[in-house]
Amino acid sequence: MNRRDLEITKQEDFRYVLEHCHSINVGMHDGEDIYILPMNYGYVLEEDKKLTFYIHSGKRGKKLELLRANGRISFEMDCDHQLIEGEKPCQYGYAYASMMGKGNAVIVEDVQEKQKALSILMSCLTGKEFEFTEKLTTIVEIIRIDVEEYTGKRRLAKRF
């Protein structure tokens, strides 16, 4: 990381990014190319900084094909975009908060884990608690991303 002064190191700052971003951009292997999709997500950030994402999908499609072939992914998310104005052109900047990392994506088969994941996803999206029946879990696929490492940066808006 080039700008250590912007690095996020505190758990509450990572949680801020997770709570304020509305989508996660997931990069998957597509042969020699990279396939990137923005998706809604739910997450669990544990006290030991272990991070897990849950995303959902239809029952078929390119994303699932790619993840079944190779579950290695990278991700990026960013929010709080704001132009920082200056008196001179070189004093302009941009405020943001962001995270990026890598991990392994697994298509969840266990019904109870799918129910839990859907509840987490909906809670993160809506702030409300939902319960899911076994039948509801059969109409979607749930992808769990076990994050191996992540970093973050945050630049607050301030004028020169």
N, C-alpha and C. Protein backbone atom coordinates (compact mmCIF):
# COMPACT_ATOMS: atom_id res chain seq x y z
N MET A 1 0.85 -1.17 0.00
CA MET A 1 0.00 0.00 0.00
C MET A 1 0.90 1.23 0.00
N ASN A 2 0.63 2.12 -0.94
CA ASN A 2 1.46 3.30 -1.11
C ASN A 2 1.16 4.38 -0.08
N ARG A 3 -0.12 4.64 0.20
CA ARG A 3 -0.51 5.71 1.12
C ARG A 3 -0.89 5.13 2.48
N ARG A 4 0.10 4.82 3.30
CA ARG A 4 -0.15 4.24 4.62
C ARG A 4 -0.97 5.16 5.51
N ASP A 5 -0.91 6.47 5.26
CA ASP A 5 -1.67 7.41 6.08
C ASP A 5 -3.18 7.27 5.87
N LEU A 6 -3.59 6.63 4.78
CA LEU A 6 -5.01 6.41 4.49
C LEU A 6 -5.48 5.00 4.84
N GLU A 7 -4.55 4.15 5.26
CA GLU A 7 -4.87 2.75 5.51
C GLU A 7 -5.85 2.60 6.67
N ILE A 8 -6.82 1.72 6.46
CA ILE A 8 -7.75 1.35 7.53
C ILE A 8 -7.12 0.22 8.33
N THR A 9 -7.07 0.40 9.64
CA THR A 9 -6.50 -0.63 10.50
C THR A 9 -7.46 -1.06 11.61
N LYS A 10 -8.44 -0.23 11.92
CA LYS A 10 -9.36 -0.53 13.02
C LYS A 10 -10.58 -1.28 12.52
N GLN A 11 -11.02 -2.24 13.31
CA GLN A 11 -12.18 -3.05 12.95
C GLN A 11 -13.41 -2.18 12.71
N GLU A 12 -13.63 -1.15 13.52
CA GLU A 12 -14.81 -0.31 13.34
C GLU A 12 -14.77 0.45 12.02
N ASP A 13 -13.58 0.74 11.50
CA ASP A 13 -13.49 1.41 10.20
C ASP A 13 -13.79 0.44 9.06
N PHE A 14 -13.36 -0.81 9.19
CA PHE A 14 -13.74 -1.82 8.20
C PHE A 14 -15.26 -2.02 8.24
N ARG A 15 -15.81 -2.09 9.44
CA ARG A 15 -17.26 -2.26 9.57
C ARG A 15 -18.00 -1.08 8.93
N TYR A 16 -17.46 0.12 9.06
CA TYR A 16 -18.07 1.30 8.43
C TYR A 16 -18.19 1.08 6.92
N VAL A 17 -17.12 0.64 6.28
CA VAL A 17 -17.14 0.41 4.83
C VAL A 17 -18.16 -0.67 4.49
N LEU A 18 -18.15 -1.76 5.25
CA LEU A 18 -19.09 -2.86 4.99
C LEU A 18 -20.54 -2.41 5.13
N GLU A 19 -20.81 -1.51 6.06
CA GLU A 19 -22.17 -1.05 6.28
C GLU A 19 -22.61 0.04 5.31
N HIS A 20 -21.68 0.76 4.71
CA HIS A 20 -22.05 1.88 3.85
C HIS A 20 -21.93 1.61 2.36
N CYS A 21 -21.21 0.59 1.99
CA CYS A 21 -21.17 0.23 0.57
C CYS A 21 -22.44 -0.58 0.26
N HIS A 22 -22.92 -0.45 -0.93
CA HIS A 22 -24.16 -1.13 -1.29
C HIS A 22 -23.96 -2.32 -2.23
N SER A 23 -22.75 -2.45 -2.74
CA SER A 23 -22.47 -3.60 -3.59
C SER A 23 -21.00 -3.96 -3.48
N ILE A 24 -20.73 -5.19 -3.83
CA ILE A 24 -19.36 -5.71 -3.85
C ILE A 24 -19.07 -6.11 -5.29
N ASN A 25 -17.91 -5.75 -5.79
CA ASN A 25 -17.48 -6.14 -7.13
C ASN A 25 -16.59 -7.36 -6.99
N VAL A 26 -17.06 -8.48 -7.54
CA VAL A 26 -16.36 -9.75 -7.40
C VAL A 26 -15.74 -10.11 -8.74
N GLY A 27 -14.43 -10.35 -8.74
CA GLY A 27 -13.69 -10.76 -9.93
C GLY A 27 -13.45 -12.26 -9.90
N MET A 28 -13.84 -12.92 -11.00
CA MET A 28 -13.70 -14.37 -11.12
C MET A 28 -12.87 -14.69 -12.35
N HIS A 29 -12.27 -15.88 -12.35
CA HIS A 29 -11.49 -16.32 -13.50
C HIS A 29 -12.41 -16.78 -14.61
N ASP A 30 -12.14 -16.30 -15.82
CA ASP A 30 -12.87 -16.72 -17.01
C ASP A 30 -11.83 -17.08 -18.07
N GLY A 31 -11.22 -18.25 -17.87
CA GLY A 31 -10.11 -18.64 -18.74
C GLY A 31 -8.94 -17.71 -18.46
N GLU A 32 -8.47 -17.03 -19.50
CA GLU A 32 -7.38 -16.07 -19.33
C GLU A 32 -7.88 -14.68 -18.99
N ASP A 33 -9.18 -14.51 -18.97
CA ASP A 33 -9.77 -13.21 -18.67
C ASP A 33 -10.32 -13.17 -17.25
N ILE A 34 -10.72 -11.98 -16.84
CA ILE A 34 -11.37 -11.79 -15.55
C ILE A 34 -12.80 -11.34 -15.82
N TYR A 35 -13.74 -11.90 -15.08
CA TYR A 35 -15.16 -11.58 -15.18
C TYR A 35 -15.53 -10.91 -13.86
N ILE A 36 -16.01 -9.67 -13.93
CA ILE A 36 -16.33 -8.91 -12.72
C ILE A 36 -17.81 -8.59 -12.68
N LEU A 37 -18.41 -8.86 -11.52
CA LEU A 37 -19.83 -8.58 -11.33
C LEU A 37 -20.05 -7.77 -10.05
N PRO A 38 -20.87 -6.72 -10.12
CA PRO A 38 -21.30 -6.06 -8.89
C PRO A 38 -22.49 -6.83 -8.32
N MET A 39 -22.48 -7.06 -7.00
CA MET A 39 -23.56 -7.81 -6.38
C MET A 39 -23.88 -7.25 -4.99
N ASN A 40 -25.12 -7.45 -4.57
CA ASN A 40 -25.49 -7.16 -3.20
C ASN A 40 -24.86 -8.23 -2.32
N TYR A 41 -24.73 -7.93 -1.04
CA TYR A 41 -24.06 -8.88 -0.16
C TYR A 41 -24.56 -8.77 1.27
N GLY A 42 -24.31 -9.82 1.99
CA GLY A 42 -24.40 -9.83 3.44
C GLY A 42 -23.03 -10.22 3.93
N TYR A 43 -22.73 -9.93 5.18
CA TYR A 43 -21.40 -10.24 5.68
C TYR A 43 -21.44 -10.56 7.16
N VAL A 44 -20.38 -11.24 7.59
CA VAL A 44 -20.12 -11.46 9.00
C VAL A 44 -18.66 -11.06 9.22
N LEU A 45 -18.44 -10.09 10.12
CA LEU A 45 -17.09 -9.67 10.50
C LEU A 45 -16.93 -10.01 11.97
N GLU A 46 -16.09 -10.99 12.24
CA GLU A 46 -15.91 -11.47 13.60
C GLU A 46 -14.86 -10.65 14.33
N GLU A 47 -14.80 -10.80 15.64
CA GLU A 47 -13.88 -10.03 16.47
C GLU A 47 -12.42 -10.23 16.07
N ASP A 48 -12.08 -11.42 15.58
CA ASP A 48 -10.70 -11.70 15.17
C ASP A 48 -10.43 -11.21 13.74
N LYS A 49 -11.33 -10.37 13.21
CA LYS A 49 -11.26 -9.77 11.88
C LYS A 49 -11.52 -10.78 10.75
N LYS A 50 -11.96 -12.00 11.10
CA LYS A 50 -12.35 -12.96 10.06
C LYS A 50 -13.59 -12.42 9.36
N LEU A 51 -13.55 -12.41 8.03
CA LEU A 51 -14.62 -11.82 7.22
C LEU A 51 -15.18 -12.87 6.27
N THR A 52 -16.52 -12.95 6.24
CA THR A 52 -17.22 -13.84 5.33
C THR A 52 -18.32 -13.04 4.64
N PHE A 53 -18.41 -13.18 3.32
CA PHE A 53 -19.49 -12.56 2.55
C PHE A 53 -20.46 -13.65 2.10
N TYR A 54 -21.73 -13.25 1.94
CA TYR A 54 -22.74 -14.11 1.32
C TYR A 54 -23.37 -13.33 0.18
N ILE A 55 -23.44 -13.96 -0.97
CA ILE A 55 -24.12 -13.39 -2.12
C ILE A 55 -25.10 -14.44 -2.63
N HIS A 56 -26.09 -14.00 -3.39
CA HIS A 56 -27.06 -14.97 -3.90
C HIS A 56 -27.11 -14.89 -5.42
N SER A 57 -27.68 -15.92 -6.00
CA SER A 57 -27.69 -16.05 -7.45
C SER A 57 -28.90 -16.87 -7.86
N GLY A 58 -29.25 -16.76 -9.13
CA GLY A 58 -30.20 -17.69 -9.71
C GLY A 58 -29.57 -19.07 -9.75
N LYS A 59 -30.32 -20.03 -10.19
CA LYS A 59 -29.87 -21.43 -10.17
C LYS A 59 -28.88 -21.77 -11.28
N ARG A 60 -28.76 -20.91 -12.28
CA ARG A 60 -27.80 -21.18 -13.35
C ARG A 60 -27.31 -19.85 -13.91
N GLY A 61 -26.20 -19.92 -14.61
CA GLY A 61 -25.64 -18.73 -15.23
C GLY A 61 -24.12 -18.77 -15.23
N LYS A 62 -23.54 -17.79 -15.89
CA LYS A 62 -22.10 -17.73 -16.07
C LYS A 62 -21.35 -17.66 -14.74
N LYS A 63 -21.84 -16.86 -13.81
CA LYS A 63 -21.18 -16.70 -12.52
C LYS A 63 -21.00 -18.06 -11.84
N LEU A 64 -22.06 -18.85 -11.80
CA LEU A 64 -21.99 -20.17 -11.15
C LEU A 64 -21.05 -21.10 -11.90
N GLU A 65 -21.09 -21.07 -13.22
CA GLU A 65 -20.20 -21.91 -14.02
C GLU A 65 -18.74 -21.58 -13.71
N LEU A 66 -18.43 -20.29 -13.65
CA LEU A 66 -17.05 -19.88 -13.39
C LEU A 66 -16.61 -20.27 -11.98
N LEU A 67 -17.48 -20.07 -10.99
CA LEU A 67 -17.12 -20.39 -9.62
C LEU A 67 -16.99 -21.89 -9.39
N ARG A 68 -17.78 -22.67 -10.10
CA ARG A 68 -17.64 -24.13 -9.99
C ARG A 68 -16.30 -24.59 -10.57
N ALA A 69 -15.86 -23.90 -11.62
CA ALA A 69 -14.59 -24.26 -12.25
C ALA A 69 -13.39 -23.77 -11.45
N ASN A 70 -13.53 -22.60 -10.80
CA ASN A 70 -12.42 -22.02 -10.04
C ASN A 70 -13.00 -21.04 -9.02
N GLY A 71 -12.96 -21.41 -7.77
CA GLY A 71 -13.55 -20.59 -6.72
C GLY A 71 -12.69 -19.43 -6.23
N ARG A 72 -11.49 -19.27 -6.76
CA ARG A 72 -10.63 -18.17 -6.34
C ARG A 72 -11.21 -16.85 -6.85
N ILE A 73 -11.39 -15.90 -5.95
CA ILE A 73 -11.96 -14.60 -6.33
C ILE A 73 -11.15 -13.47 -5.71
N SER A 74 -11.34 -12.30 -6.28
CA SER A 74 -10.90 -11.04 -5.67
C SER A 74 -12.13 -10.16 -5.57
N PHE A 75 -12.10 -9.21 -4.65
CA PHE A 75 -13.24 -8.32 -4.51
C PHE A 75 -12.78 -6.90 -4.25
N GLU A 76 -13.69 -5.97 -4.53
CA GLU A 76 -13.47 -4.55 -4.27
C GLU A 76 -14.81 -3.93 -3.97
N MET A 77 -14.80 -2.98 -3.04
CA MET A 77 -16.01 -2.21 -2.74
C MET A 77 -15.57 -0.80 -2.35
N ASP A 78 -16.39 0.19 -2.71
CA ASP A 78 -16.04 1.56 -2.38
C ASP A 78 -17.30 2.40 -2.20
N CYS A 79 -17.19 3.45 -1.39
CA CYS A 79 -18.33 4.31 -1.10
C CYS A 79 -17.82 5.68 -0.64
N ASP A 80 -18.74 6.53 -0.24
CA ASP A 80 -18.43 7.88 0.28
C ASP A 80 -17.66 8.73 -0.73
N HIS A 81 -18.05 8.65 -1.97
CA HIS A 81 -17.37 9.41 -3.03
C HIS A 81 -17.71 10.89 -2.93
N GLN A 82 -16.69 11.72 -2.90
CA GLN A 82 -16.92 13.16 -2.85
C GLN A 82 -15.68 13.88 -3.37
N LEU A 83 -15.91 14.81 -4.27
CA LEU A 83 -14.83 15.64 -4.78
C LEU A 83 -14.34 16.57 -3.67
N ILE A 84 -13.04 16.67 -3.51
CA ILE A 84 -12.43 17.61 -2.57
C ILE A 84 -11.86 18.75 -3.41
N GLU A 85 -12.43 19.91 -3.25
CA GLU A 85 -11.99 21.06 -4.05
C GLU A 85 -10.80 21.74 -3.42
N GLY A 86 -9.98 22.32 -4.25
CA GLY A 86 -8.82 23.08 -3.80
C GLY A 86 -8.77 24.43 -4.50
N GLU A 87 -7.85 25.24 -4.09
CA GLU A 87 -7.69 26.54 -4.74
C GLU A 87 -6.93 26.40 -6.04
N LYS A 88 -6.05 25.42 -6.14
CA LYS A 88 -5.25 25.17 -7.34
C LYS A 88 -5.57 23.76 -7.84
N PRO A 89 -5.37 23.51 -9.12
CA PRO A 89 -5.70 22.18 -9.67
C PRO A 89 -5.04 21.02 -8.92
N CYS A 90 -3.80 21.17 -8.50
CA CYS A 90 -3.10 20.06 -7.83
C CYS A 90 -3.56 19.86 -6.39
N GLN A 91 -4.42 20.75 -5.89
CA GLN A 91 -4.95 20.59 -4.54
C GLN A 91 -6.30 19.85 -4.53
N TYR A 92 -6.85 19.57 -5.70
CA TYR A 92 -8.09 18.80 -5.77
C TYR A 92 -7.79 17.35 -5.40
N GLY A 93 -8.78 16.69 -4.90
CA GLY A 93 -8.65 15.28 -4.55
C GLY A 93 -10.01 14.63 -4.53
N TYR A 94 -10.07 13.45 -3.96
CA TYR A 94 -11.31 12.71 -3.93
C TYR A 94 -11.41 11.95 -2.61
N ALA A 95 -12.52 12.10 -1.94
CA ALA A 95 -12.78 11.37 -0.70
C ALA A 95 -13.44 10.03 -1.05
N TYR A 96 -13.14 9.02 -0.24
CA TYR A 96 -13.70 7.70 -0.47
C TYR A 96 -13.42 6.81 0.74
N ALA A 97 -14.07 5.69 0.77
CA ALA A 97 -13.75 4.60 1.68
C ALA A 97 -13.80 3.33 0.85
N SER A 98 -12.82 2.45 1.01
CA SER A 98 -12.78 1.27 0.15
C SER A 98 -12.15 0.08 0.86
N MET A 99 -12.47 -1.08 0.33
CA MET A 99 -11.87 -2.34 0.77
C MET A 99 -11.61 -3.18 -0.46
N MET A 100 -10.59 -4.01 -0.37
CA MET A 100 -10.33 -4.99 -1.42
C MET A 100 -9.66 -6.20 -0.78
N GLY A 101 -9.78 -7.32 -1.44
CA GLY A 101 -9.18 -8.52 -0.89
C GLY A 101 -9.36 -9.71 -1.81
N LYS A 102 -9.08 -10.88 -1.26
CA LYS A 102 -9.20 -12.11 -2.04
C LYS A 102 -9.63 -13.24 -1.13
N GLY A 103 -10.13 -14.28 -1.76
CA GLY A 103 -10.58 -15.43 -0.99
C GLY A 103 -11.06 -16.54 -1.88
N ASN A 104 -11.87 -17.38 -1.29
CA ASN A 104 -12.39 -18.54 -2.00
C ASN A 104 -13.91 -18.54 -1.91
N ALA A 105 -14.57 -18.72 -3.05
CA ALA A 105 -16.03 -18.76 -3.11
C ALA A 105 -16.50 -20.21 -3.16
N VAL A 106 -17.49 -20.49 -2.33
CA VAL A 106 -18.05 -21.84 -2.24
C VAL A 106 -19.56 -21.75 -2.42
N ILE A 107 -20.10 -22.59 -3.28
CA ILE A 107 -21.55 -22.65 -3.44
C ILE A 107 -22.10 -23.51 -2.29
N VAL A 108 -22.96 -22.90 -1.49
CA VAL A 108 -23.45 -23.54 -0.27
C VAL A 108 -24.53 -24.55 -0.64
N GLU A 109 -24.39 -25.76 -0.13
CA GLU A 109 -25.36 -26.83 -0.38
C GLU A 109 -26.23 -27.10 0.85
N ASP A 110 -25.70 -26.90 2.04
CA ASP A 110 -26.40 -27.20 3.28
C ASP A 110 -27.59 -26.25 3.47
N VAL A 111 -28.78 -26.81 3.66
CA VAL A 111 -30.01 -26.03 3.77
C VAL A 111 -29.97 -25.06 4.95
N GLN A 112 -29.51 -25.51 6.09
CA GLN A 112 -29.45 -24.63 7.27
C GLN A 112 -28.49 -23.47 7.06
N GLU A 113 -27.36 -23.74 6.43
CA GLU A 113 -26.41 -22.66 6.14
C GLU A 113 -27.01 -21.67 5.13
N LYS A 114 -27.76 -22.20 4.16
CA LYS A 114 -28.42 -21.32 3.19
C LYS A 114 -29.45 -20.43 3.89
N GLN A 115 -30.22 -21.00 4.81
CA GLN A 115 -31.21 -20.22 5.56
C GLN A 115 -30.52 -19.11 6.36
N LYS A 116 -29.45 -19.47 7.04
CA LYS A 116 -28.70 -18.49 7.83
C LYS A 116 -28.12 -17.40 6.92
N ALA A 117 -27.55 -17.80 5.79
CA ALA A 117 -26.95 -16.85 4.86
C ALA A 117 -27.99 -15.88 4.29
N LEU A 118 -29.15 -16.39 3.93
CA LEU A 118 -30.21 -15.52 3.42
C LEU A 118 -30.67 -14.53 4.48
N SER A 119 -30.76 -14.98 5.72
CA SER A 119 -31.13 -14.08 6.82
C SER A 119 -30.07 -12.99 7.01
N ILE A 120 -28.80 -13.36 6.95
CA ILE A 120 -27.71 -12.37 7.08
C ILE A 120 -27.76 -11.39 5.92
N LEU A 121 -27.92 -11.90 4.72
CA LEU A 121 -27.96 -11.04 3.53
C LEU A 121 -29.10 -10.04 3.64
N MET A 122 -30.29 -10.50 3.98
CA MET A 122 -31.44 -9.60 4.07
C MET A 122 -31.30 -8.62 5.23
N SER A 123 -30.72 -9.04 6.32
CA SER A 123 -30.50 -8.13 7.45
C SER A 123 -29.54 -7.02 7.07
N CYS A 124 -28.48 -7.36 6.36
CA CYS A 124 -27.51 -6.35 5.92
C CYS A 124 -28.14 -5.38 4.91
N LEU A 125 -29.01 -5.88 4.05
CA LEU A 125 -29.62 -5.04 3.03
C LEU A 125 -30.75 -4.17 3.56
N THR A 126 -31.52 -4.70 4.51
CA THR A 126 -32.74 -4.00 4.92
C THR A 126 -32.75 -3.54 6.38
N GLY A 127 -31.86 -4.11 7.20
CA GLY A 127 -31.90 -3.82 8.63
C GLY A 127 -33.02 -4.56 9.34
N LYS A 128 -33.70 -5.45 8.65
CA LYS A 128 -34.80 -6.22 9.22
C LYS A 128 -34.41 -7.69 9.33
N GLU A 129 -35.08 -8.38 10.24
CA GLU A 129 -34.84 -9.80 10.44
C GLU A 129 -35.87 -10.62 9.65
N PHE A 130 -35.38 -11.63 8.93
CA PHE A 130 -36.25 -12.52 8.16
C PHE A 130 -35.87 -13.96 8.47
N GLU A 131 -36.86 -14.84 8.37
CA GLU A 131 -36.59 -16.27 8.45
C GLU A 131 -36.96 -16.90 7.11
N PHE A 132 -36.21 -17.91 6.73
CA PHE A 132 -36.42 -18.54 5.44
C PHE A 132 -36.74 -20.01 5.63
N THR A 133 -37.74 -20.47 4.91
CA THR A 133 -38.10 -21.88 4.95
C THR A 133 -37.15 -22.67 4.06
N GLU A 134 -37.15 -23.96 4.25
CA GLU A 134 -36.33 -24.82 3.40
C GLU A 134 -36.73 -24.68 1.94
N LYS A 135 -38.03 -24.55 1.69
CA LYS A 135 -38.52 -24.41 0.31
C LYS A 135 -37.95 -23.16 -0.36
N LEU A 136 -37.88 -22.05 0.37
CA LEU A 136 -37.34 -20.82 -0.20
C LEU A 136 -35.86 -20.95 -0.58
N THR A 137 -35.14 -21.80 0.13
CA THR A 137 -33.72 -21.96 -0.20
C THR A 137 -33.50 -22.73 -1.50
N THR A 138 -34.53 -23.42 -1.97
CA THR A 138 -34.36 -24.22 -3.19
C THR A 138 -34.42 -23.39 -4.46
N ILE A 139 -34.88 -22.15 -4.37
CA ILE A 139 -35.04 -21.35 -5.59
C ILE A 139 -33.84 -20.44 -5.87
N VAL A 140 -32.86 -20.42 -4.96
CA VAL A 140 -31.66 -19.60 -5.17
C VAL A 140 -30.42 -20.40 -4.83
N GLU A 141 -29.32 -19.91 -5.34
CA GLU A 141 -28.02 -20.43 -4.92
C GLU A 141 -27.41 -19.39 -3.99
N ILE A 142 -26.71 -19.86 -2.99
CA ILE A 142 -25.99 -19.00 -2.06
C ILE A 142 -24.51 -19.27 -2.24
N ILE A 143 -23.76 -18.20 -2.35
CA ILE A 143 -22.31 -18.30 -2.49
C ILE A 143 -21.69 -17.67 -1.24
N ARG A 144 -20.87 -18.46 -0.58
CA ARG A 144 -20.13 -17.96 0.59
C ARG A 144 -18.72 -17.63 0.15
N ILE A 145 -18.27 -16.45 0.46
CA ILE A 145 -16.89 -16.06 0.17
C ILE A 145 -16.12 -16.05 1.47
N ASP A 146 -15.20 -16.98 1.59
CA ASP A 146 -14.31 -17.04 2.75
C ASP A 146 -13.10 -16.16 2.42
N VAL A 147 -13.06 -14.99 3.04
CA VAL A 147 -12.02 -14.01 2.74
C VAL A 147 -10.73 -14.40 3.45
N GLU A 148 -9.66 -14.44 2.68
CA GLU A 148 -8.35 -14.81 3.22
C GLU A 148 -7.55 -13.59 3.66
N GLU A 149 -7.68 -12.52 2.92
CA GLU A 149 -7.00 -11.29 3.29
C GLU A 149 -7.73 -10.10 2.69
N TYR A 150 -7.65 -8.98 3.39
CA TYR A 150 -8.29 -7.76 2.91
C TYR A 150 -7.57 -6.54 3.47
N THR A 151 -7.68 -5.46 2.74
CA THR A 151 -7.13 -4.18 3.16
C THR A 151 -8.18 -3.11 2.90
N GLY A 152 -7.96 -1.95 3.45
CA GLY A 152 -8.89 -0.85 3.24
C GLY A 152 -8.19 0.49 3.30
N LYS A 153 -8.81 1.46 2.66
CA LYS A 153 -8.32 2.84 2.70
C LYS A 153 -9.52 3.77 2.85
N ARG A 154 -9.27 4.89 3.51
CA ARG A 154 -10.33 5.88 3.68
C ARG A 154 -9.71 7.26 3.68
N ARG A 155 -10.24 8.10 2.81
CA ARG A 155 -9.83 9.50 2.76
C ARG A 155 -11.05 10.34 3.04
N LEU A 156 -10.99 11.10 4.10
CA LEU A 156 -12.11 11.95 4.48
C LEU A 156 -12.10 13.25 3.67
N ALA A 157 -13.28 13.81 3.46
CA ALA A 157 -13.39 15.06 2.72
C ALA A 157 -12.93 16.21 3.59
N LYS A 158 -11.99 16.96 3.07
CA LYS A 158 -11.56 18.19 3.73
C LYS A 158 -10.97 19.11 2.68
N ARG A 159 -11.09 20.33 2.90
CA ARG A 159 -10.58 21.32 1.94
C ARG A 159 -9.20 21.77 2.35
N PHE A 160 -8.43 22.19 1.36
CA PHE A 160 -7.10 22.77 1.63
C PHE A 160 -7.27 24.19 2.12
